[in-house]
Amino acid sequence: MLVAAGADVWRVGFNRGDHAFWATRATYIAYRGTAQDWPATFRSLIAQKQITDIVLYGDTRPVHATAIAAARAEGLTVHVFEEGYLRPYWVSYERGGSNGNSRLMQLSVTQMQKALEALDMDLPDAPARWGDMRQHMFWGALYHWFVMAGFWDYRNFRPHRALTVGQEFWLYVKRLALLPFHRWERMAATFRIKHGGFPYHLVLLQLEHDSSFQMHSPFKTMAEFLALVMDGFAKGAAPHHHIVFKAHPLEDGRVPVAHEIKRLAKLHGVQNRVHFVRGGKLAALLNHARSAVTVNSTAAQQALWRGLPLKTFGAAVYAKPEFVSTQSLKEFFTLPTRPDSRAYRDYRHYLLETSQVPGGFYSSRGRRELLRQVVDMMLQPEDPYDALTLGKAAPRQQLRLVT
């Protein structure tokens, strides 16, 4: 779509998976060098191709961080895509950085409210559903298969995670194969919680290897976070309250989360009040929860939308003083403070008018919907946040609620 708009576009690929998922061979640039040689190579590409912009998915992987530093030094525009802050119906598009590196980290709710003053429309509605987790798993497994099968062609490639490409591939395959079993396990756990009649607090778990957890939180391992939460619950929660640990939908067993939760529950003598739910939909659990705890998961936005008290530990774009509790964990589990729901509604509205673009990465329908708006946003001189402030944001009337 950028080419149709008149731009020249190249793709730098670091492995056979990148190569397989780029259809235009004439514009594919294979990088087979070492990590040490990458900065100089990228600077050479900028000069050779007269590059004006770079486009990335995420901004913390080593090859991305290196490219961003070089791009900024040369005055290039940096476009960063990520999973939507208000997922699953939106994609995040920002300039300069995302998550802990996003401009949202420096923007106050008051500034956002001021930018919205000229708007008199309701919140955009959620688009029709597209894509699902199975597609995410399938394409992830296929990508890693290409990477593994073509290792001989990119011998210097090193994944940004601790596991080898082969281990990543087999984890994807295993997860796909176990989907039916995990579904019944999840249904049984959810049934016990739904019909238990007890008040409960919900812990939103993340992937230990996720960049938000590793780069924008005080924890290096999930075990550290679990130990802290279990201790706070055991000391602060009322004896009739329970705690539910909700695993990330893409949790693949590389970290023994369920085993560690059982061990900690037994250690603190609360094993009869602790539950573990493996993936699945979040809404049903949030609807009856008393509060939510997370490191910095974007799923916490669903808790805020429901007005639930929220405790976080890492850097997050929504971690504003109006929304998240400053209490200790013990105090939070005893009597949590609630967020300012009106302020959160304004914050959510601001995101939907700026960096949150309808669409998705894993289905053709989602990608088509994304392309309808995001290319014009990329070609605009201002980033999404400045565009709204200056009154130049693209209208999104097709998503407005009818009142």
Protein backbone atom coordinates (compact mmCIF):
# COMPACT_ATOMS: atom_id res chain seq x y z
CA MET A 1 0.00 0.00 0.00
CA LEU A 2 2.93 2.33 0.63
CA VAL A 3 4.25 1.51 -2.84
CA ALA A 4 0.82 2.33 -4.30
CA ALA A 5 1.08 5.69 -2.52
CA GLY A 6 4.37 6.40 -4.32
CA ALA A 7 6.97 5.26 -1.78
CA ASP A 8 9.95 2.97 -2.32
CA VAL A 9 9.97 0.12 0.21
CA TRP A 10 12.66 -2.43 1.15
CA ARG A 11 12.59 -5.22 3.69
CA VAL A 12 15.71 -6.28 5.59
CA GLY A 13 15.45 -9.94 6.57
CA PHE A 14 17.56 -11.74 9.18
CA ASN A 15 16.40 -15.32 8.66
CA ARG A 16 14.52 -17.62 6.29
CA GLY A 17 11.23 -16.81 8.04
CA ASP A 18 11.59 -13.13 7.15
CA HIS A 19 12.38 -14.17 3.58
CA ALA A 20 9.35 -16.47 3.31
CA PHE A 21 6.92 -13.80 4.51
CA TRP A 22 8.05 -11.10 2.06
CA ALA A 23 6.53 -11.66 -1.37
CA THR A 24 8.50 -9.11 -3.42
CA ARG A 25 11.96 -10.60 -3.93
CA ALA A 26 13.30 -7.53 -5.77
CA THR A 27 12.92 -5.42 -2.63
CA TYR A 28 14.14 -8.00 -0.12
CA ILE A 29 17.57 -7.37 1.43
CA ALA A 30 19.04 -10.43 3.16
CA TYR A 31 21.31 -9.69 6.09
CA ARG A 32 23.61 -12.63 6.77
CA GLY A 33 26.28 -10.81 8.74
CA THR A 34 26.96 -10.76 12.47
CA ALA A 35 25.30 -8.66 15.14
CA GLN A 36 28.54 -6.70 15.48
CA ASP A 37 28.49 -5.71 11.80
CA TRP A 38 24.80 -4.80 11.70
CA PRO A 39 25.09 -1.10 12.80
CA ALA A 40 27.58 -0.26 10.06
CA THR A 41 25.54 -2.19 7.48
CA PHE A 42 22.37 -0.35 8.42
CA ARG A 43 24.05 3.05 8.19
CA SER A 44 25.30 2.04 4.75
CA LEU A 45 21.77 1.06 3.68
CA ILE A 46 20.45 4.45 4.81
CA ALA A 47 22.92 6.20 2.53
CA GLN A 48 22.72 3.77 -0.38
CA LYS A 49 18.91 3.67 -0.57
CA GLN A 50 18.37 7.27 0.63
CA ILE A 51 16.14 6.00 3.40
CA THR A 52 13.77 8.49 5.05
CA ASP A 53 11.74 6.18 7.34
CA ILE A 54 12.06 2.83 9.08
CA VAL A 55 9.13 0.59 10.06
CA LEU A 56 9.39 -1.97 12.88
CA TYR A 57 7.26 -4.37 14.89
CA GLY A 58 8.35 -3.61 18.46
CA ASP A 59 11.37 -1.56 19.44
CA THR A 60 13.37 -3.57 21.98
CA ARG A 61 14.88 -6.45 19.97
CA PRO A 62 18.63 -5.85 19.58
CA VAL A 63 18.53 -5.42 15.78
CA HIS A 64 15.62 -2.98 16.17
CA ALA A 65 17.20 -0.96 18.99
CA THR A 66 20.39 -0.62 16.95
CA ALA A 67 18.45 0.49 13.86
CA ILE A 68 16.41 3.01 15.86
CA ALA A 69 19.57 4.59 17.32
CA ALA A 70 21.11 4.94 13.85
CA ALA A 71 17.85 6.25 12.37
CA ARG A 72 17.52 8.94 15.02
CA ALA A 73 21.12 10.01 14.46
CA GLU A 74 20.33 10.46 10.76
CA GLY A 75 17.02 12.24 11.36
CA LEU A 76 14.82 9.44 10.01
CA THR A 77 11.19 8.96 11.02
CA VAL A 78 10.71 5.81 13.14
CA HIS A 79 7.36 4.02 12.77
CA VAL A 80 6.66 1.38 15.44
CA PHE A 81 3.83 -1.15 15.34
CA GLU A 82 2.77 -3.35 18.25
CA GLU A 83 -0.18 -5.35 19.50
CA GLY A 84 -2.97 -2.93 20.37
CA TYR A 85 -2.98 -1.31 23.78
CA LEU A 86 -6.73 -1.95 23.61
CA ARG A 87 -6.43 -5.36 21.94
CA PRO A 88 -7.75 -7.50 20.40
CA TYR A 89 -9.62 -5.21 18.01
CA TRP A 90 -6.90 -2.62 17.47
CA VAL A 91 -3.24 -2.37 16.48
CA SER A 92 -0.88 0.19 18.02
CA TYR A 93 0.88 2.58 15.65
CA GLU A 94 3.30 5.12 17.14
CA ARG A 95 6.43 6.99 16.20
CA GLY A 96 9.69 6.76 18.07
CA GLY A 97 8.80 3.90 20.41
CA SER A 98 6.08 1.79 22.01
CA ASN A 99 5.12 0.49 25.46
CA GLY A 100 7.69 1.83 27.94
CA ASN A 101 9.25 3.95 25.19
CA SER A 102 5.95 5.43 24.04
CA ARG A 103 5.16 9.14 24.15
CA LEU A 104 2.16 8.15 26.25
CA MET A 105 4.54 7.64 29.17
CA GLN A 106 5.11 11.41 29.33
CA LEU A 107 1.56 12.53 28.58
CA SER A 108 -0.72 13.27 31.52
CA VAL A 109 -4.43 12.58 31.56
CA THR A 110 -5.00 16.34 31.79
CA GLN A 111 -3.08 16.87 28.54
CA MET A 112 -5.14 14.15 26.88
CA GLN A 113 -8.40 15.70 28.06
CA LYS A 114 -7.33 19.06 26.66
CA ALA A 115 -6.59 17.48 23.26
CA LEU A 116 -10.09 15.98 23.24
CA GLU A 117 -11.88 19.25 23.99
CA ALA A 118 -12.66 19.98 20.35
CA LEU A 119 -14.27 16.57 19.81
CA ASP A 120 -17.97 16.06 20.43
CA MET A 121 -18.29 12.46 19.26
CA ASP A 122 -18.77 9.34 21.34
CA LEU A 123 -16.13 6.69 21.84
CA PRO A 124 -15.46 4.63 18.68
CA ASP A 125 -17.15 1.26 18.85
CA ALA A 126 -15.26 -2.02 18.74
CA PRO A 127 -14.92 -3.35 15.18
CA ALA A 128 -16.38 -6.68 14.15
CA ARG A 129 -14.33 -9.63 15.37
CA TRP A 130 -11.50 -10.89 13.15
CA GLY A 131 -8.68 -13.39 13.55
CA ASP A 132 -8.13 -15.49 16.64
CA MET A 133 -5.42 -17.05 18.74
CA ARG A 134 -5.25 -20.18 16.60
CA GLN A 135 -4.15 -18.11 13.60
CA HIS A 136 -1.52 -16.43 15.75
CA MET A 137 -0.20 -19.85 16.80
CA PHE A 138 -0.31 -21.27 13.28
CA TRP A 139 1.59 -18.42 11.63
CA GLY A 140 4.07 -18.34 14.52
CA ALA A 141 4.78 -22.05 14.12
CA LEU A 142 5.14 -21.71 10.35
CA TYR A 143 7.52 -18.76 10.70
CA HIS A 144 9.75 -20.67 13.13
CA TRP A 145 9.70 -23.71 10.86
CA PHE A 146 11.08 -21.59 8.01
CA VAL A 147 13.70 -20.13 10.35
CA MET A 148 14.74 -23.59 11.52
CA ALA A 149 14.71 -25.16 8.04
CA GLY A 150 16.76 -22.34 6.53
CA PHE A 151 19.39 -21.99 9.24
CA TRP A 152 22.14 -22.91 6.74
CA ASP A 153 21.31 -19.81 4.68
CA TYR A 154 21.51 -17.41 7.64
CA ARG A 155 24.22 -18.99 9.79
CA ASN A 156 24.86 -15.85 11.84
CA PHE A 157 21.23 -15.39 12.88
CA ARG A 158 20.65 -15.50 16.64
CA PRO A 159 17.10 -15.24 18.06
CA HIS A 160 16.45 -12.44 20.55
CA ARG A 161 15.11 -14.95 23.08
CA ALA A 162 17.02 -17.50 25.14
CA LEU A 163 15.57 -20.57 23.39
CA THR A 164 16.87 -21.85 20.08
CA VAL A 165 14.73 -21.58 16.96
CA GLY A 166 14.13 -25.34 17.05
CA GLN A 167 12.91 -25.17 20.64
CA GLU A 168 10.58 -22.28 19.76
CA PHE A 169 9.15 -24.26 16.84
CA TRP A 170 8.44 -27.37 18.92
CA LEU A 171 6.80 -25.27 21.64
CA TYR A 172 4.42 -23.87 19.00
CA VAL A 173 3.66 -27.38 17.72
CA LYS A 174 3.13 -28.71 21.24
CA ARG A 175 0.80 -25.86 22.11
CA LEU A 176 -1.29 -26.45 18.99
CA ALA A 177 -1.48 -30.20 19.71
CA LEU A 178 -2.57 -29.67 23.33
CA LEU A 179 -5.28 -27.13 22.55
CA PRO A 180 -8.17 -29.61 23.07
CA PHE A 181 -6.80 -30.82 26.43
CA HIS A 182 -6.09 -27.29 27.64
CA ARG A 183 -9.58 -26.24 26.61
CA TRP A 184 -11.22 -28.84 28.88
CA GLU A 185 -8.79 -28.04 31.68
CA ARG A 186 -9.66 -24.36 31.35
CA MET A 187 -13.38 -25.04 31.28
CA ALA A 188 -13.15 -27.09 34.50
CA ALA A 189 -11.16 -24.39 36.31
CA THR A 190 -13.52 -21.65 35.13
CA PHE A 191 -16.55 -23.70 36.24
CA ARG A 192 -15.11 -24.06 39.75
CA ILE A 193 -14.52 -20.32 39.99
CA LYS A 194 -17.87 -19.34 38.51
CA HIS A 195 -19.85 -21.62 40.81
CA GLY A 196 -17.66 -21.32 43.89
CA GLY A 197 -19.51 -18.32 45.30
CA PHE A 198 -16.34 -16.77 46.73
CA PRO A 199 -14.91 -13.27 46.19
CA TYR A 200 -11.66 -13.39 44.24
CA HIS A 201 -8.79 -11.25 43.03
CA LEU A 202 -7.47 -11.77 39.49
CA VAL A 203 -3.78 -11.88 38.57
CA LEU A 204 -3.09 -11.19 34.89
CA LEU A 205 0.04 -13.12 33.95
CA GLN A 206 2.34 -12.34 31.06
CA LEU A 207 4.94 -14.23 29.08
CA GLU A 208 8.26 -14.17 30.90
CA HIS A 209 10.11 -13.66 27.61
CA ASP A 210 7.86 -10.79 26.49
CA SER A 211 9.69 -7.50 25.94
CA SER A 212 7.31 -5.57 28.21
CA PHE A 213 8.10 -7.92 31.08
CA GLN A 214 11.85 -8.07 30.47
CA MET A 215 12.54 -4.47 29.48
CA HIS A 216 9.90 -2.45 31.35
CA SER A 217 9.47 -4.17 34.72
CA PRO A 218 11.49 -4.72 37.92
CA PHE A 219 11.36 -8.51 37.48
CA LYS A 220 13.64 -10.81 35.52
CA THR A 221 11.64 -13.98 36.11
CA MET A 222 7.95 -14.76 36.52
CA ALA A 223 8.79 -16.63 39.73
CA GLU A 224 9.82 -13.34 41.38
CA PHE A 225 6.46 -11.77 40.56
CA LEU A 226 4.47 -14.82 41.66
CA ALA A 227 6.29 -14.94 45.00
CA LEU A 228 5.55 -11.27 45.67
CA VAL A 229 1.86 -11.58 44.81
CA MET A 230 1.32 -14.76 46.82
CA ASP A 231 2.97 -13.22 49.87
CA GLY A 232 0.80 -10.09 49.63
CA PHE A 233 -2.36 -12.15 49.22
CA ALA A 234 -1.56 -14.44 52.15
CA LYS A 235 -0.91 -11.44 54.44
CA GLY A 236 -3.58 -9.02 53.27
CA ALA A 237 -6.63 -10.78 51.83
CA ALA A 238 -9.63 -11.73 53.94
CA PRO A 239 -9.69 -15.47 54.79
CA HIS A 240 -12.76 -16.07 52.60
CA HIS A 241 -11.21 -14.40 49.55
CA HIS A 242 -9.57 -16.42 46.77
CA ILE A 243 -6.99 -15.53 44.13
CA VAL A 244 -7.11 -16.54 40.44
CA PHE A 245 -3.97 -16.61 38.28
CA LYS A 246 -4.91 -16.19 34.62
CA ALA A 247 -2.18 -17.38 32.23
CA HIS A 248 -1.38 -15.57 29.01
CA PRO A 249 -3.17 -17.16 26.01
CA LEU A 250 0.23 -17.89 24.40
CA GLU A 251 1.81 -19.44 27.49
CA ASP A 252 3.67 -22.46 26.13
CA GLY A 253 5.19 -24.17 29.15
CA ARG A 254 8.74 -22.91 28.80
CA VAL A 255 8.28 -21.51 32.32
CA PRO A 256 6.61 -23.86 34.88
CA VAL A 257 4.05 -21.28 35.98
CA ALA A 258 1.39 -23.70 37.22
CA HIS A 259 3.90 -25.71 39.25
CA GLU A 260 5.35 -22.57 40.84
CA ILE A 261 1.90 -21.30 41.81
CA LYS A 262 1.09 -24.61 43.52
CA ARG A 263 4.41 -24.56 45.36
CA LEU A 264 3.95 -21.00 46.61
CA ALA A 265 0.33 -21.62 47.62
CA LYS A 266 1.38 -24.58 49.74
CA LEU A 267 4.26 -22.60 51.23
CA HIS A 268 1.88 -19.87 52.43
CA GLY A 269 -0.87 -22.28 53.47
CA VAL A 270 -3.47 -20.91 51.04
CA GLN A 271 -3.63 -23.80 48.56
CA ASN A 272 -7.42 -24.15 48.97
CA ARG A 273 -7.90 -20.51 47.91
CA VAL A 274 -5.66 -20.44 44.83
CA HIS A 275 -6.77 -21.15 41.24
CA PHE A 276 -4.94 -21.31 37.93
CA VAL A 277 -6.66 -20.78 34.57
CA ARG A 278 -4.72 -21.64 31.44
CA GLY A 279 -5.44 -19.02 28.76
CA GLY A 280 -8.90 -18.50 27.35
CA LYS A 281 -11.15 -15.46 27.36
CA LEU A 282 -10.59 -12.86 30.05
CA ALA A 283 -13.97 -11.13 30.14
CA ALA A 284 -15.84 -13.80 32.12
CA LEU A 285 -13.23 -13.78 34.88
CA LEU A 286 -13.05 -9.99 35.04
CA ASN A 287 -16.81 -9.62 35.30
CA HIS A 288 -16.85 -11.09 38.84
CA ALA A 289 -13.38 -10.12 40.10
CA ARG A 290 -12.86 -7.79 43.07
CA SER A 291 -9.53 -6.42 41.80
CA ALA A 292 -6.73 -7.11 39.34
CA VAL A 293 -2.95 -7.36 39.70
CA THR A 294 -0.35 -7.45 36.92
CA VAL A 295 3.18 -6.42 36.06
CA ASN A 296 2.30 -4.29 33.04
CA SER A 297 -0.02 -6.40 30.86
CA THR A 298 -2.17 -4.54 28.33
CA ALA A 299 -5.02 -6.79 29.49
CA ALA A 300 -5.20 -4.54 32.57
CA GLN A 301 -7.02 -2.00 30.40
CA GLN A 302 -10.02 -4.33 30.41
CA ALA A 303 -9.97 -4.23 34.21
CA LEU A 304 -9.86 -0.42 34.18
CA TRP A 305 -12.72 -0.29 31.68
CA ARG A 306 -14.79 -2.18 34.25
CA GLY A 307 -13.73 0.17 37.07
CA LEU A 308 -11.80 -2.53 38.94
CA PRO A 309 -9.01 -1.59 41.37
CA LEU A 310 -5.67 -2.25 39.68
CA LYS A 311 -2.17 -2.81 41.05
CA THR A 312 0.79 -2.73 38.64
CA PHE A 313 4.58 -2.98 39.00
CA GLY A 314 6.16 -2.24 35.63
CA ALA A 315 6.16 0.71 33.26
CA ALA A 316 2.93 0.81 31.24
CA VAL A 317 1.20 3.41 29.11
CA TYR A 318 -1.89 3.22 31.34
CA ALA A 319 -0.01 3.41 34.67
CA LYS A 320 -1.30 6.90 35.46
CA PRO A 321 -1.90 8.04 39.07
CA GLU A 322 -5.61 8.38 38.28
CA PHE A 323 -5.87 4.67 37.44
CA VAL A 324 -3.45 2.42 39.35
CA SER A 325 -3.19 1.90 43.09
CA THR A 326 -0.15 3.13 45.02
CA GLN A 327 -0.92 0.86 47.98
CA SER A 328 1.35 -1.95 49.11
CA LEU A 329 0.17 -5.39 48.01
CA LYS A 330 -0.95 -6.26 51.52
CA GLU A 331 -3.05 -3.08 51.73
CA PHE A 332 -4.35 -3.59 48.21
CA PHE A 333 -5.64 -7.09 48.96
CA THR A 334 -7.19 -5.82 52.20
CA LEU A 335 -9.07 -2.80 50.81
CA PRO A 336 -8.06 -1.73 47.27
CA THR A 337 -8.58 1.81 46.01
CA ARG A 338 -10.65 2.21 42.84
CA PRO A 339 -9.57 4.03 39.67
CA ASP A 340 -11.07 7.29 38.41
CA SER A 341 -13.39 5.77 35.80
CA ARG A 342 -14.29 9.10 34.18
CA ALA A 343 -10.61 9.92 33.67
CA TYR A 344 -10.02 6.45 32.24
CA ARG A 345 -12.86 6.92 29.76
CA ASP A 346 -11.10 10.08 28.53
CA TYR A 347 -7.79 8.22 28.35
CA ARG A 348 -9.34 5.40 26.34
CA HIS A 349 -11.03 7.91 24.02
CA TYR A 350 -7.66 9.61 23.47
CA LEU A 351 -6.01 6.32 22.47
CA LEU A 352 -8.80 5.45 20.05
CA GLU A 353 -8.46 8.85 18.39
CA THR A 354 -4.68 8.54 18.03
CA SER A 355 -2.50 5.42 18.16
CA GLN A 356 -5.12 2.65 18.16
CA VAL A 357 -5.98 1.63 14.58
CA PRO A 358 -8.75 -0.88 13.81
CA GLY A 359 -7.35 -4.13 12.46
CA GLY A 360 -5.04 -7.03 13.24
CA PHE A 361 -1.90 -8.82 12.09
CA TYR A 362 -2.99 -12.46 11.86
CA SER A 363 -6.01 -12.56 9.54
CA SER A 364 -6.47 -11.19 6.04
CA ARG A 365 -9.62 -9.37 7.13
CA GLY A 366 -7.80 -7.70 10.00
CA ARG A 367 -4.94 -6.61 7.75
CA ARG A 368 -7.32 -5.18 5.16
CA GLU A 369 -9.06 -3.15 7.84
CA LEU A 370 -5.72 -1.91 9.18
CA LEU A 371 -4.53 -0.77 5.75
CA ARG A 372 -7.60 1.40 5.23
CA GLN A 373 -6.28 3.92 7.74
CA VAL A 374 -2.71 3.27 8.81
CA VAL A 375 -0.91 4.10 5.53
CA ASP A 376 -2.38 7.61 5.48
CA MET A 377 -1.33 7.99 9.11
CA MET A 378 2.23 6.94 8.25
CA LEU A 379 2.43 9.42 5.35
CA GLN A 380 1.17 12.28 7.51
CA PRO A 381 3.89 14.71 8.73
CA GLU A 382 2.63 14.61 12.32
CA ASP A 383 2.55 11.56 14.56
CA PRO A 384 -0.91 10.44 15.80
CA TYR A 385 -0.67 12.36 19.07
CA ASP A 386 0.39 15.67 17.52
CA ALA A 387 -2.16 15.23 14.73
CA LEU A 388 -5.02 15.21 17.25
CA THR A 389 -3.66 18.21 19.14
CA LEU A 390 -3.31 20.17 15.88
CA GLY A 391 -6.74 19.13 14.64
CA LYS A 392 -5.32 17.03 11.79
CA ALA A 393 -6.23 13.54 12.99
CA ALA A 394 -7.93 11.34 10.40
CA PRO A 395 -11.70 11.01 11.01
CA ARG A 396 -12.93 7.60 12.14
CA GLN A 397 -16.64 8.09 11.66
CA GLN A 398 -17.18 4.55 10.36
CA LEU A 399 -16.51 3.31 13.89
CA ARG A 400 -18.72 5.78 15.75
CA LEU A 401 -21.48 4.63 18.01
CA VAL A 402 -24.95 5.57 16.85
CA THR A 403 -26.79 7.53 19.53
